[in-house]
N, C-alpha and C. Protein backbone atom coordinates (compact mmCIF):
# COMPACT_ATOMS: atom_id res chain seq x y z
N MET A 1 86.55 59.90 147.06
CA MET A 1 85.43 59.15 147.65
C MET A 1 85.84 57.71 147.93
N VAL A 2 86.57 57.11 146.98
CA VAL A 2 87.01 55.72 147.16
C VAL A 2 87.91 55.61 148.39
N LYS A 3 88.82 56.57 148.56
CA LYS A 3 89.72 56.56 149.73
C LYS A 3 88.92 56.70 151.02
N ASN A 4 87.88 57.52 151.01
CA ASN A 4 87.05 57.70 152.21
C ASN A 4 86.32 56.41 152.57
N ILE A 5 85.80 55.71 151.55
CA ILE A 5 85.10 54.45 151.79
C ILE A 5 86.06 53.41 152.36
N THR A 6 87.26 53.34 151.77
CA THR A 6 88.27 52.38 152.24
C THR A 6 88.66 52.67 153.69
N LEU A 7 88.83 53.94 154.02
CA LEU A 7 89.20 54.32 155.38
C LEU A 7 88.10 53.98 156.36
N LEU A 8 86.84 54.25 155.98
CA LEU A 8 85.71 53.95 156.85
C LEU A 8 85.58 52.47 157.11
N LEU A 9 85.70 51.66 156.06
CA LEU A 9 85.58 50.21 156.23
C LEU A 9 86.74 49.65 157.05
N SER A 10 87.94 50.21 156.89
CA SER A 10 89.08 49.77 157.70
C SER A 10 88.83 50.06 159.18
N LEU A 11 88.25 51.23 159.47
CA LEU A 11 87.93 51.58 160.86
C LEU A 11 86.89 50.63 161.44
N LEU A 12 85.86 50.32 160.64
CA LEU A 12 84.82 49.41 161.11
C LEU A 12 85.37 48.01 161.34
N PHE A 13 86.30 47.57 160.48
CA PHE A 13 86.96 46.27 160.67
C PHE A 13 87.70 46.25 162.00
N ALA A 14 88.43 47.31 162.31
CA ALA A 14 89.21 47.36 163.55
C ALA A 14 88.31 47.32 164.77
N ILE A 15 87.21 48.08 164.72
CA ILE A 15 86.27 48.11 165.85
C ILE A 15 85.62 46.74 166.04
N GLN A 16 85.15 46.15 164.93
CA GLN A 16 84.50 44.85 165.02
C GLN A 16 85.46 43.78 165.51
N PHE A 17 86.71 43.80 165.05
CA PHE A 17 87.69 42.81 165.46
C PHE A 17 87.95 42.90 166.96
N SER A 18 88.00 44.11 167.52
CA SER A 18 88.23 44.26 168.95
C SER A 18 87.05 43.74 169.75
N TYR A 19 85.82 43.95 169.24
CA TYR A 19 84.64 43.43 169.93
C TYR A 19 84.58 41.91 169.88
N ALA A 20 85.10 41.33 168.80
CA ALA A 20 85.01 39.88 168.63
C ALA A 20 85.89 39.11 169.60
N GLN A 21 86.75 39.80 170.33
CA GLN A 21 87.65 39.11 171.24
C GLN A 21 86.98 38.68 172.55
N SER A 22 85.79 39.21 172.83
CA SER A 22 85.11 38.89 174.09
C SER A 22 83.66 38.51 173.82
N GLY A 23 83.04 37.84 174.81
CA GLY A 23 81.65 37.46 174.69
C GLY A 23 81.48 36.12 174.01
N ALA A 24 80.28 35.54 174.16
CA ALA A 24 80.00 34.22 173.59
C ALA A 24 78.99 34.34 172.47
N ASP A 25 79.19 33.56 171.44
CA ASP A 25 78.26 33.49 170.33
C ASP A 25 77.57 32.14 170.39
N THR A 26 76.29 32.12 170.77
CA THR A 26 75.55 30.87 170.90
C THR A 26 74.70 30.56 169.67
N ILE A 27 74.46 31.57 168.82
CA ILE A 27 73.61 31.37 167.65
C ILE A 27 74.34 30.65 166.53
N HIS A 28 75.62 30.95 166.34
CA HIS A 28 76.36 30.45 165.19
C HIS A 28 77.23 29.23 165.49
N TYR A 29 77.23 28.73 166.71
CA TYR A 29 78.11 27.64 167.10
C TYR A 29 77.82 26.40 166.25
N ARG A 30 78.86 25.94 165.50
CA ARG A 30 78.77 24.76 164.65
C ARG A 30 77.62 24.85 163.65
N LYS A 31 77.39 26.03 163.10
CA LYS A 31 76.29 26.24 162.18
C LYS A 31 76.78 26.64 160.79
N ILE A 32 75.96 26.32 159.80
CA ILE A 32 76.14 26.80 158.43
C ILE A 32 74.84 27.46 158.00
N TYR A 33 74.94 28.71 157.56
CA TYR A 33 73.76 29.44 157.12
C TYR A 33 73.89 29.80 155.64
N TYR A 34 72.73 29.87 154.98
CA TYR A 34 72.66 30.30 153.59
C TYR A 34 72.05 31.69 153.55
N PHE A 35 72.72 32.61 152.86
CA PHE A 35 72.23 33.98 152.76
C PHE A 35 71.92 34.31 151.31
N ALA A 36 70.72 34.83 151.04
CA ALA A 36 70.34 35.29 149.71
C ALA A 36 69.91 36.74 149.82
N GLY A 37 70.55 37.60 149.03
CA GLY A 37 70.26 39.03 149.14
C GLY A 37 69.95 39.66 147.80
N THR A 38 69.27 40.80 147.83
CA THR A 38 68.99 41.57 146.64
C THR A 38 69.10 43.05 146.97
N GLY A 39 69.42 43.87 145.96
CA GLY A 39 69.58 45.29 146.24
C GLY A 39 70.16 46.02 145.05
N LEU A 40 71.18 46.86 145.32
CA LEU A 40 71.77 47.71 144.29
C LEU A 40 73.29 47.63 144.32
N ALA A 41 73.89 47.80 143.15
CA ALA A 41 75.33 48.01 143.03
C ALA A 41 75.52 49.39 142.40
N LEU A 42 76.17 50.30 143.12
CA LEU A 42 76.30 51.69 142.71
C LEU A 42 77.73 51.98 142.28
N PRO A 43 78.01 52.16 140.98
CA PRO A 43 79.36 52.51 140.54
C PRO A 43 79.77 53.87 141.10
N ILE A 44 81.05 54.01 141.44
CA ILE A 44 81.55 55.27 141.96
C ILE A 44 82.84 55.64 141.23
N GLY A 45 83.25 56.89 141.40
CA GLY A 45 84.48 57.36 140.75
C GLY A 45 84.35 57.33 139.24
N LYS A 46 85.46 57.06 138.55
CA LYS A 46 85.49 57.03 137.09
C LYS A 46 84.68 55.88 136.51
N THR A 47 84.32 54.91 137.35
CA THR A 47 83.47 53.81 136.88
C THR A 47 82.15 54.33 136.33
N LYS A 48 81.67 55.46 136.87
CA LYS A 48 80.39 56.02 136.45
C LYS A 48 80.41 56.52 135.01
N GLU A 49 81.61 56.69 134.41
CA GLU A 49 81.69 57.07 133.01
C GLU A 49 81.29 55.92 132.09
N VAL A 50 81.34 54.69 132.62
CA VAL A 50 81.02 53.50 131.84
C VAL A 50 79.71 52.86 132.31
N LEU A 51 79.54 52.74 133.62
CA LEU A 51 78.42 52.01 134.19
C LEU A 51 77.49 52.91 134.99
N SER A 52 76.22 52.57 135.00
CA SER A 52 75.25 53.20 135.88
C SER A 52 74.34 52.12 136.44
N PRO A 53 73.77 52.33 137.63
CA PRO A 53 73.06 51.23 138.31
C PRO A 53 71.75 50.85 137.64
N LYS A 54 71.43 49.55 137.77
CA LYS A 54 70.14 49.02 137.35
C LYS A 54 69.62 48.13 138.46
N LEU A 55 68.30 48.01 138.55
CA LEU A 55 67.69 47.07 139.47
C LEU A 55 67.70 45.69 138.81
N PHE A 56 68.09 44.65 139.47
CA PHE A 56 68.57 44.57 140.83
C PHE A 56 69.93 43.88 140.84
N ALA A 57 70.68 44.10 141.93
CA ALA A 57 71.86 43.28 142.20
C ALA A 57 71.44 42.11 143.07
N GLY A 58 72.19 41.03 143.00
CA GLY A 58 71.84 39.87 143.81
C GLY A 58 73.07 39.17 144.35
N SER A 59 72.88 38.39 145.41
CA SER A 59 73.98 37.62 145.98
C SER A 59 73.44 36.36 146.61
N MET A 60 74.29 35.35 146.68
CA MET A 60 73.99 34.13 147.42
C MET A 60 75.29 33.61 148.01
N GLY A 61 75.25 33.23 149.28
CA GLY A 61 76.49 32.82 149.92
C GLY A 61 76.25 31.95 151.14
N LEU A 62 77.34 31.45 151.68
CA LEU A 62 77.30 30.60 152.87
C LEU A 62 78.03 31.27 154.02
N ASP A 63 77.41 31.26 155.19
CA ASP A 63 78.02 31.72 156.43
C ASP A 63 78.44 30.45 157.19
N ILE A 64 79.75 30.16 157.18
CA ILE A 64 80.27 28.93 157.78
C ILE A 64 81.06 29.28 159.03
N ALA A 65 80.53 28.93 160.19
CA ALA A 65 81.20 29.25 161.44
C ALA A 65 82.47 28.42 161.60
N LEU A 66 83.54 29.05 162.08
CA LEU A 66 84.78 28.34 162.39
C LEU A 66 84.70 27.76 163.80
N LYS A 67 85.77 27.15 164.25
CA LYS A 67 85.78 26.55 165.59
C LYS A 67 85.41 27.56 166.64
N ASN A 68 85.95 28.79 166.52
CA ASN A 68 85.49 29.91 167.33
C ASN A 68 84.43 30.62 166.50
N PRO A 69 83.12 30.54 166.88
CA PRO A 69 82.04 31.03 166.03
C PRO A 69 82.02 32.54 165.84
N LYS A 70 82.90 33.28 166.55
CA LYS A 70 83.00 34.72 166.29
C LYS A 70 83.65 34.99 164.95
N TYR A 71 84.29 33.97 164.38
CA TYR A 71 84.94 34.09 163.08
C TYR A 71 84.27 33.13 162.10
N TYR A 72 84.20 33.54 160.85
CA TYR A 72 83.48 32.72 159.89
C TYR A 72 84.05 32.89 158.49
N LEU A 73 83.76 31.91 157.64
CA LEU A 73 84.06 31.99 156.22
C LEU A 73 82.80 32.41 155.48
N TYR A 74 82.98 33.21 154.42
CA TYR A 74 81.82 33.74 153.72
C TYR A 74 82.03 33.67 152.20
N PRO A 75 82.03 32.47 151.61
CA PRO A 75 82.06 32.37 150.14
C PRO A 75 80.71 32.83 149.58
N ALA A 76 80.75 33.71 148.58
CA ALA A 76 79.51 34.27 148.05
C ALA A 76 79.65 34.59 146.58
N LEU A 77 78.55 34.43 145.85
CA LEU A 77 78.47 34.79 144.44
C LEU A 77 77.65 36.06 144.30
N TYR A 78 78.22 37.06 143.62
CA TYR A 78 77.54 38.34 143.39
C TYR A 78 77.21 38.48 141.91
N MET A 79 75.99 38.94 141.63
CA MET A 79 75.52 39.12 140.26
C MET A 79 75.00 40.55 140.11
N PHE A 80 75.70 41.36 139.31
CA PHE A 80 75.37 42.77 139.14
C PHE A 80 75.01 43.04 137.68
N ASN A 81 73.97 43.85 137.48
CA ASN A 81 73.61 44.33 136.14
C ASN A 81 73.72 45.85 136.11
N PHE A 82 74.26 46.36 135.00
CA PHE A 82 74.46 47.80 134.87
C PHE A 82 74.02 48.27 133.48
N SER A 83 73.65 49.56 133.40
CA SER A 83 73.59 50.22 132.11
C SER A 83 75.02 50.54 131.69
N TYR A 84 75.29 50.50 130.37
CA TYR A 84 76.67 50.51 129.88
C TYR A 84 76.83 51.49 128.74
N ASP A 85 77.83 52.37 128.85
CA ASP A 85 78.20 53.29 127.78
C ASP A 85 79.66 53.03 127.39
N GLN A 86 79.86 52.54 126.17
CA GLN A 86 81.20 52.20 125.71
C GLN A 86 82.04 53.46 125.54
N GLN A 87 83.29 53.41 126.01
CA GLN A 87 84.18 54.56 125.95
C GLN A 87 85.35 54.37 124.98
N LEU A 88 85.78 53.14 124.76
CA LEU A 88 86.94 52.85 123.91
C LEU A 88 86.51 52.11 122.66
N GLU A 89 87.16 52.43 121.54
CA GLU A 89 86.85 51.76 120.28
C GLU A 89 87.32 50.31 120.32
N ASP A 90 86.47 49.43 119.79
CA ASP A 90 86.83 48.03 119.61
C ASP A 90 86.97 47.80 118.11
N PRO A 91 88.18 47.53 117.62
CA PRO A 91 88.39 47.42 116.16
C PRO A 91 87.61 46.30 115.51
N LYS A 92 87.09 45.35 116.27
CA LYS A 92 86.34 44.24 115.69
C LYS A 92 84.87 44.61 115.42
N TYR A 93 84.44 45.79 115.89
CA TYR A 93 83.04 46.18 115.76
C TYR A 93 82.93 47.59 115.19
N ASP A 94 81.80 47.84 114.49
CA ASP A 94 81.62 49.08 113.76
C ASP A 94 81.10 50.23 114.62
N HIS A 95 80.43 49.93 115.70
CA HIS A 95 79.70 50.95 116.45
C HIS A 95 80.06 50.94 117.93
N TYR A 96 79.83 52.10 118.55
CA TYR A 96 79.90 52.20 120.00
C TYR A 96 78.53 51.84 120.58
N ILE A 97 78.55 51.33 121.80
CA ILE A 97 77.31 51.01 122.51
C ILE A 97 76.99 52.14 123.49
N GLU A 98 75.75 52.61 123.45
CA GLU A 98 75.27 53.58 124.43
C GLU A 98 73.99 53.05 125.06
N ASN A 99 73.91 53.13 126.38
CA ASN A 99 72.76 52.64 127.14
C ASN A 99 72.51 51.15 126.88
N GLY A 100 73.61 50.39 126.83
CA GLY A 100 73.50 48.94 126.71
C GLY A 100 73.39 48.28 128.07
N ASN A 101 73.55 46.97 128.10
CA ASN A 101 73.47 46.21 129.34
C ASN A 101 74.78 45.44 129.56
N ALA A 102 75.37 45.61 130.72
CA ALA A 102 76.57 44.87 131.10
C ALA A 102 76.30 44.10 132.38
N SER A 103 77.01 42.98 132.53
CA SER A 103 76.82 42.13 133.71
C SER A 103 78.17 41.81 134.34
N VAL A 104 78.17 41.68 135.65
CA VAL A 104 79.37 41.32 136.40
C VAL A 104 79.01 40.15 137.32
N TYR A 105 79.76 39.07 137.22
CA TYR A 105 79.56 37.90 138.08
C TYR A 105 80.86 37.63 138.82
N MET A 106 80.84 37.79 140.14
CA MET A 106 82.06 37.66 140.92
C MET A 106 81.86 36.68 142.07
N LEU A 107 82.82 35.77 142.24
CA LEU A 107 82.84 34.86 143.38
C LEU A 107 83.82 35.41 144.41
N SER A 108 83.33 35.70 145.61
CA SER A 108 84.16 36.23 146.68
C SER A 108 84.45 35.13 147.70
N LEU A 109 85.72 35.04 148.09
CA LEU A 109 86.14 34.06 149.10
C LEU A 109 86.60 34.84 150.33
N ALA A 110 85.64 35.26 151.12
CA ALA A 110 85.91 36.18 152.23
C ALA A 110 85.88 35.47 153.58
N GLY A 111 86.40 36.14 154.56
CA GLY A 111 86.31 35.72 155.95
C GLY A 111 86.00 36.94 156.79
N GLY A 112 85.50 36.72 158.00
CA GLY A 112 85.14 37.88 158.81
C GLY A 112 84.96 37.57 160.28
N THR A 113 84.54 38.58 161.00
CA THR A 113 84.24 38.47 162.43
C THR A 113 82.85 39.01 162.70
N ARG A 114 82.25 38.59 163.82
CA ARG A 114 80.93 39.10 164.17
C ARG A 114 80.78 39.23 165.68
N LYS A 115 79.76 39.95 166.08
CA LYS A 115 79.46 40.17 167.48
C LYS A 115 77.98 39.92 167.71
N GLN A 116 77.65 39.02 168.65
CA GLN A 116 76.26 38.72 168.96
C GLN A 116 75.78 39.59 170.12
N LEU A 117 74.64 40.24 169.92
CA LEU A 117 73.97 41.04 170.96
C LEU A 117 72.56 40.50 171.09
N LYS A 118 72.43 39.42 171.89
CA LYS A 118 71.17 38.68 171.99
C LYS A 118 70.80 38.15 170.60
N ARG A 119 69.71 38.64 169.99
CA ARG A 119 69.31 38.15 168.68
C ARG A 119 69.87 38.98 167.53
N LEU A 120 70.51 40.08 167.85
CA LEU A 120 71.10 40.95 166.83
C LEU A 120 72.58 40.62 166.66
N ASN A 121 73.02 40.52 165.41
CA ASN A 121 74.41 40.25 165.11
C ASN A 121 74.96 41.32 164.17
N THR A 122 76.15 41.80 164.48
CA THR A 122 76.84 42.70 163.57
C THR A 122 78.09 41.98 163.06
N TYR A 123 78.52 42.31 161.85
CA TYR A 123 79.65 41.58 161.29
C TYR A 123 80.39 42.42 160.26
N VAL A 124 81.63 42.03 160.01
CA VAL A 124 82.44 42.59 158.93
C VAL A 124 83.11 41.43 158.21
N TYR A 125 83.43 41.63 156.93
CA TYR A 125 84.10 40.58 156.18
C TYR A 125 84.96 41.21 155.08
N GLY A 126 85.88 40.43 154.55
CA GLY A 126 86.71 40.89 153.46
C GLY A 126 87.48 39.73 152.85
N GLY A 127 87.80 39.86 151.56
CA GLY A 127 88.56 38.81 150.91
C GLY A 127 88.65 39.02 149.41
N PRO A 128 89.41 38.16 148.73
CA PRO A 128 89.58 38.28 147.28
C PRO A 128 88.33 37.86 146.53
N SER A 129 88.23 38.32 145.28
CA SER A 129 87.12 37.92 144.42
C SER A 129 87.62 37.76 143.00
N PHE A 130 86.93 36.94 142.22
CA PHE A 130 87.28 36.76 140.83
C PHE A 130 86.04 36.32 140.06
N GLY A 131 86.01 36.61 138.76
CA GLY A 131 84.84 36.24 137.99
C GLY A 131 84.87 36.81 136.59
N LEU A 132 83.68 37.04 136.01
CA LEU A 132 83.53 37.46 134.63
C LEU A 132 82.83 38.80 134.53
N VAL A 133 83.28 39.60 133.55
CA VAL A 133 82.62 40.85 133.17
C VAL A 133 82.14 40.69 131.74
N SER A 134 80.87 40.96 131.49
CA SER A 134 80.28 40.81 130.16
C SER A 134 79.90 42.19 129.63
N GLU A 135 80.55 42.62 128.52
CA GLU A 135 80.31 43.93 127.93
C GLU A 135 79.67 43.77 126.55
N PRO A 136 78.65 44.58 126.22
CA PRO A 136 77.99 44.46 124.92
C PRO A 136 78.81 45.09 123.80
N ARG A 137 78.65 44.55 122.60
CA ARG A 137 79.26 45.08 121.39
C ARG A 137 78.22 45.03 120.25
N ALA A 138 78.36 45.95 119.27
CA ALA A 138 77.39 46.03 118.17
C ALA A 138 78.09 45.94 116.83
N GLN A 139 77.54 45.11 115.94
CA GLN A 139 78.07 44.94 114.59
C GLN A 139 76.91 45.05 113.61
N GLU A 140 77.03 45.94 112.61
CA GLU A 140 75.98 46.11 111.62
C GLU A 140 76.19 45.15 110.46
N LEU A 141 75.19 44.33 110.18
CA LEU A 141 75.22 43.36 109.08
C LEU A 141 74.04 43.67 108.16
N GLU A 142 74.32 44.45 107.10
CA GLU A 142 73.28 44.92 106.18
C GLU A 142 72.22 45.70 106.97
N SER A 143 71.00 45.19 107.02
CA SER A 143 69.94 45.93 107.73
C SER A 143 69.78 45.48 109.18
N ILE A 144 70.69 44.62 109.65
CA ILE A 144 70.59 44.06 111.01
C ILE A 144 71.76 44.54 111.85
N VAL A 145 71.47 44.93 113.07
CA VAL A 145 72.52 45.23 114.05
C VAL A 145 72.61 44.04 115.00
N LYS A 146 73.73 43.37 114.97
CA LYS A 146 73.94 42.18 115.80
C LYS A 146 74.63 42.58 117.10
N ILE A 147 74.08 42.15 118.22
CA ILE A 147 74.64 42.42 119.54
C ILE A 147 75.43 41.21 120.02
N ASP A 148 76.71 41.40 120.26
CA ASP A 148 77.57 40.37 120.85
C ASP A 148 77.97 40.80 122.26
N TYR A 149 78.63 39.88 122.97
CA TYR A 149 79.11 40.19 124.31
C TYR A 149 80.57 39.79 124.43
N ASP A 150 81.37 40.75 124.87
CA ASP A 150 82.79 40.53 125.10
C ASP A 150 82.97 40.18 126.57
N ARG A 151 83.45 38.98 126.85
CA ARG A 151 83.59 38.51 128.23
C ARG A 151 85.06 38.47 128.62
N SER A 152 85.35 38.97 129.80
CA SER A 152 86.73 39.03 130.27
C SER A 152 86.80 38.59 131.73
N PHE A 153 87.96 38.11 132.12
CA PHE A 153 88.18 37.65 133.49
C PHE A 153 88.59 38.83 134.36
N ALA A 154 88.05 38.90 135.55
CA ALA A 154 88.34 40.00 136.47
C ALA A 154 88.81 39.45 137.81
N VAL A 155 89.74 40.15 138.43
CA VAL A 155 90.24 39.82 139.77
C VAL A 155 90.07 41.05 140.64
N GLY A 156 89.61 40.87 141.87
CA GLY A 156 89.38 42.02 142.73
C GLY A 156 89.31 41.65 144.19
N ALA A 157 88.61 42.49 144.94
CA ALA A 157 88.43 42.27 146.37
C ALA A 157 87.05 42.79 146.77
N LYS A 158 86.49 42.19 147.82
CA LYS A 158 85.17 42.57 148.33
C LYS A 158 85.24 42.66 149.84
N VAL A 159 84.80 43.80 150.39
CA VAL A 159 84.71 43.97 151.83
C VAL A 159 83.32 44.49 152.16
N GLY A 160 82.90 44.30 153.40
CA GLY A 160 81.57 44.78 153.76
C GLY A 160 81.31 44.74 155.24
N VAL A 161 80.24 45.43 155.64
CA VAL A 161 79.76 45.44 157.02
C VAL A 161 78.25 45.22 156.98
N GLY A 162 77.72 44.61 158.04
CA GLY A 162 76.29 44.38 158.04
C GLY A 162 75.77 43.97 159.40
N ALA A 163 74.48 43.71 159.43
CA ALA A 163 73.82 43.27 160.65
C ALA A 163 72.62 42.41 160.27
N ASP A 164 72.29 41.45 161.12
CA ASP A 164 71.08 40.67 160.92
C ASP A 164 70.43 40.38 162.26
N TYR A 165 69.13 40.12 162.21
CA TYR A 165 68.36 39.86 163.43
C TYR A 165 67.70 38.49 163.29
N LYS A 166 67.82 37.66 164.34
CA LYS A 166 67.29 36.30 164.31
C LYS A 166 65.84 36.26 164.77
N PHE A 167 64.98 35.80 163.88
CA PHE A 167 63.61 35.48 164.24
C PHE A 167 63.55 33.99 164.58
N LYS A 168 62.39 33.41 164.64
CA LYS A 168 62.28 32.03 165.11
C LYS A 168 63.03 31.06 164.22
N SER A 169 62.89 31.17 162.90
CA SER A 169 63.49 30.18 162.00
C SER A 169 64.37 30.79 160.92
N PHE A 170 64.61 32.10 160.96
CA PHE A 170 65.44 32.73 159.94
C PHE A 170 65.98 34.05 160.47
N PHE A 171 66.96 34.58 159.74
CA PHE A 171 67.51 35.90 160.01
C PHE A 171 67.07 36.87 158.92
N LEU A 172 66.81 38.11 159.30
CA LEU A 172 66.57 39.19 158.35
C LEU A 172 67.72 40.18 158.49
N GLY A 173 68.39 40.48 157.40
CA GLY A 173 69.57 41.32 157.53
C GLY A 173 69.87 42.16 156.31
N GLY A 174 70.88 42.99 156.46
CA GLY A 174 71.33 43.84 155.36
C GLY A 174 72.80 44.16 155.53
N GLU A 175 73.43 44.52 154.41
CA GLU A 175 74.86 44.83 154.46
C GLU A 175 75.22 45.88 153.41
N ILE A 176 76.26 46.61 153.71
CA ILE A 176 76.84 47.58 152.77
C ILE A 176 78.26 47.13 152.48
N GLY A 177 78.62 47.03 151.20
CA GLY A 177 79.94 46.55 150.84
C GLY A 177 80.61 47.42 149.80
N TYR A 178 81.85 47.09 149.54
CA TYR A 178 82.64 47.79 148.53
C TYR A 178 83.40 46.75 147.73
N MET A 179 83.26 46.81 146.41
CA MET A 179 83.97 45.89 145.52
C MET A 179 84.89 46.68 144.60
N ARG A 180 86.10 46.18 144.43
CA ARG A 180 87.06 46.79 143.52
C ARG A 180 87.69 45.71 142.67
N HIS A 181 87.88 46.01 141.38
CA HIS A 181 88.62 45.12 140.49
C HIS A 181 90.03 45.66 140.30
N PHE A 182 91.00 44.77 140.25
CA PHE A 182 92.37 45.16 139.96
C PHE A 182 92.61 45.22 138.45
N THR A 183 91.64 44.73 137.68
CA THR A 183 91.66 44.86 136.22
C THR A 183 90.71 45.99 135.83
N LYS A 184 91.00 46.67 134.72
CA LYS A 184 90.22 47.85 134.34
C LYS A 184 89.07 47.49 133.41
N LEU A 185 88.08 48.37 133.39
CA LEU A 185 86.91 48.24 132.54
C LEU A 185 86.85 49.47 131.64
N GLN A 186 87.02 49.25 130.32
CA GLN A 186 87.05 50.37 129.38
C GLN A 186 88.08 51.43 129.78
N GLY A 187 89.24 50.97 130.26
CA GLY A 187 90.30 51.88 130.65
C GLY A 187 90.08 52.58 131.96
N ARG A 188 88.99 52.26 132.66
CA ARG A 188 88.68 52.87 133.95
C ARG A 188 88.74 51.82 135.05
N PRO A 189 89.10 52.23 136.26
CA PRO A 189 89.04 51.29 137.39
C PRO A 189 87.59 50.97 137.72
N PHE A 190 87.36 49.76 138.21
CA PHE A 190 86.02 49.36 138.62
C PHE A 190 85.89 49.49 140.13
N HIS A 191 84.99 50.37 140.58
CA HIS A 191 84.66 50.52 141.99
C HIS A 191 83.14 50.54 142.11
N ALA A 192 82.59 49.83 143.08
CA ALA A 192 81.14 49.84 143.29
C ALA A 192 80.81 49.65 144.76
N VAL A 193 79.81 50.38 145.21
CA VAL A 193 79.24 50.19 146.54
C VAL A 193 78.02 49.30 146.40
N THR A 194 77.93 48.25 147.21
CA THR A 194 76.81 47.32 147.14
C THR A 194 75.93 47.48 148.38
N ILE A 195 74.63 47.51 148.17
CA ILE A 195 73.65 47.60 149.24
C ILE A 195 72.69 46.44 149.07
N LEU A 196 72.71 45.50 150.00
CA LEU A 196 71.94 44.27 149.86
C LEU A 196 71.12 43.98 151.11
N PHE A 197 69.91 43.49 150.90
CA PHE A 197 69.03 43.05 151.99
C PHE A 197 68.55 41.65 151.66
N GLY A 198 68.37 40.82 152.72
CA GLY A 198 67.92 39.47 152.43
C GLY A 198 67.70 38.63 153.65
N LEU A 199 67.54 37.33 153.41
CA LEU A 199 67.24 36.36 154.45
C LEU A 199 68.40 35.38 154.60
N LYS A 200 68.62 34.94 155.83
CA LYS A 200 69.64 33.94 156.13
C LYS A 200 68.96 32.79 156.86
N SER A 201 69.18 31.58 156.37
CA SER A 201 68.52 30.41 156.97
C SER A 201 69.52 29.33 157.30
N ASP A 202 69.20 28.50 158.28
CA ASP A 202 70.07 27.45 158.78
C ASP A 202 70.01 26.24 157.86
N ILE A 203 71.16 25.86 157.28
CA ILE A 203 71.21 24.66 156.43
C ILE A 203 72.22 23.65 156.99
N THR A 204 72.48 23.71 158.29
CA THR A 204 73.48 22.83 158.91
C THR A 204 73.15 21.36 158.67
N ARG A 205 71.89 20.97 158.86
CA ARG A 205 71.51 19.57 158.67
C ARG A 205 71.69 19.13 157.23
N LEU A 206 71.40 20.02 156.29
CA LEU A 206 71.61 19.70 154.88
C LEU A 206 73.09 19.46 154.60
N GLY A 207 73.94 20.32 155.19
CA GLY A 207 75.38 20.13 155.02
C GLY A 207 75.86 18.82 155.60
N GLU A 208 75.32 18.43 156.76
CA GLU A 208 75.69 17.17 157.37
C GLU A 208 75.25 15.98 156.50
N LYS A 209 74.08 16.10 155.87
CA LYS A 209 73.60 15.04 154.99
C LYS A 209 74.52 14.88 153.78
N VAL A 210 74.97 16.02 153.22
CA VAL A 210 75.87 15.97 152.07
C VAL A 210 77.19 15.28 152.45
N VAL A 211 77.72 15.64 153.61
CA VAL A 211 78.96 15.01 154.08
C VAL A 211 78.76 13.53 154.30
N GLU A 212 77.59 13.16 154.84
CA GLU A 212 77.32 11.74 155.10
C GLU A 212 77.26 10.94 153.81
N ILE A 213 76.73 11.54 152.74
CA ILE A 213 76.62 10.85 151.46
C ILE A 213 78.00 10.73 150.80
N ILE A 214 78.77 11.84 150.83
CA ILE A 214 80.06 11.86 150.15
C ILE A 214 81.12 11.05 150.89
N ALA A 215 81.18 11.24 152.22
CA ALA A 215 82.22 10.57 153.00
C ALA A 215 81.62 10.12 154.32
N PRO A 216 80.87 9.01 154.32
CA PRO A 216 80.18 8.57 155.54
C PRO A 216 81.11 8.27 156.69
N SER A 217 82.33 7.85 156.41
CA SER A 217 83.27 7.53 157.49
C SER A 217 83.75 8.75 158.23
N ALA A 218 83.59 9.95 157.60
CA ALA A 218 84.12 11.18 158.21
C ALA A 218 83.32 11.61 159.41
N ILE A 219 82.06 11.14 159.54
CA ILE A 219 81.24 11.58 160.66
C ILE A 219 81.08 10.50 161.71
N ASN A 220 81.74 9.35 161.52
CA ASN A 220 81.66 8.26 162.49
C ASN A 220 82.80 8.34 163.50
C-alpha cells in the first residue's frame, strides 16, 4: 500500500509540474498566505500495530510565493494525536501501555508547484520534515500508576496534493498527504496518510509590516 501511495503521488507531481510550465498565476503573485487545517492522520502498514487514528489532526503553515508564483515554499507545522499500543518492553518501566495517547509534532520545510484555473487552484508539494514523537509509559508506585512520556526526535518527509477555491477574502481548501519517518516507532516504520481541510487567508501586509519593523532599510 505504501508503494502504491508513493507511486500515485509521484505521478501527480509529474502531471502538476508539467502544467505549471504554462499559464499565468494572478492570485498568488507576491503574496503570502496562512493556511490552518484540521482533519485526520491515518496510520498505514505496520504502523497500525502501534498507532490508530484519533480526532483531530491539525496543521498551520505559510504559502510563500516565489518570484514565479507557480512555485512556492510551504513551511508547515503538523500536530497529530493517536491511540497507542506499546509493542516493545521498556526496561525503565513496569508495564506496557494499551490504548494510550501518543502525539507527533513535525515541522515540514516543503516546496511545490500549483496551477490556477480562474478561482480554483490545484497544487502539489514535498520536502523534509523533523520534530518530536511523544510516547506514553506507565510506572506503578505503590497504589498509584504514574504516566510518563518518552520523547524522541524524528526525521522524515512529507508530500501532498490539494486544491483550494478563492472566495472574496479567503480560500477554502483541502489536501491529501503522506508522511514517513526515517526513524522507527516501537520497531516499526512510521507511515501515515493525512486528510486536512481548512482556510487560507492573505497575510502579505502583515509580513510587510514585520519586515518594516525588523529591517526598515530593506524595503526602501
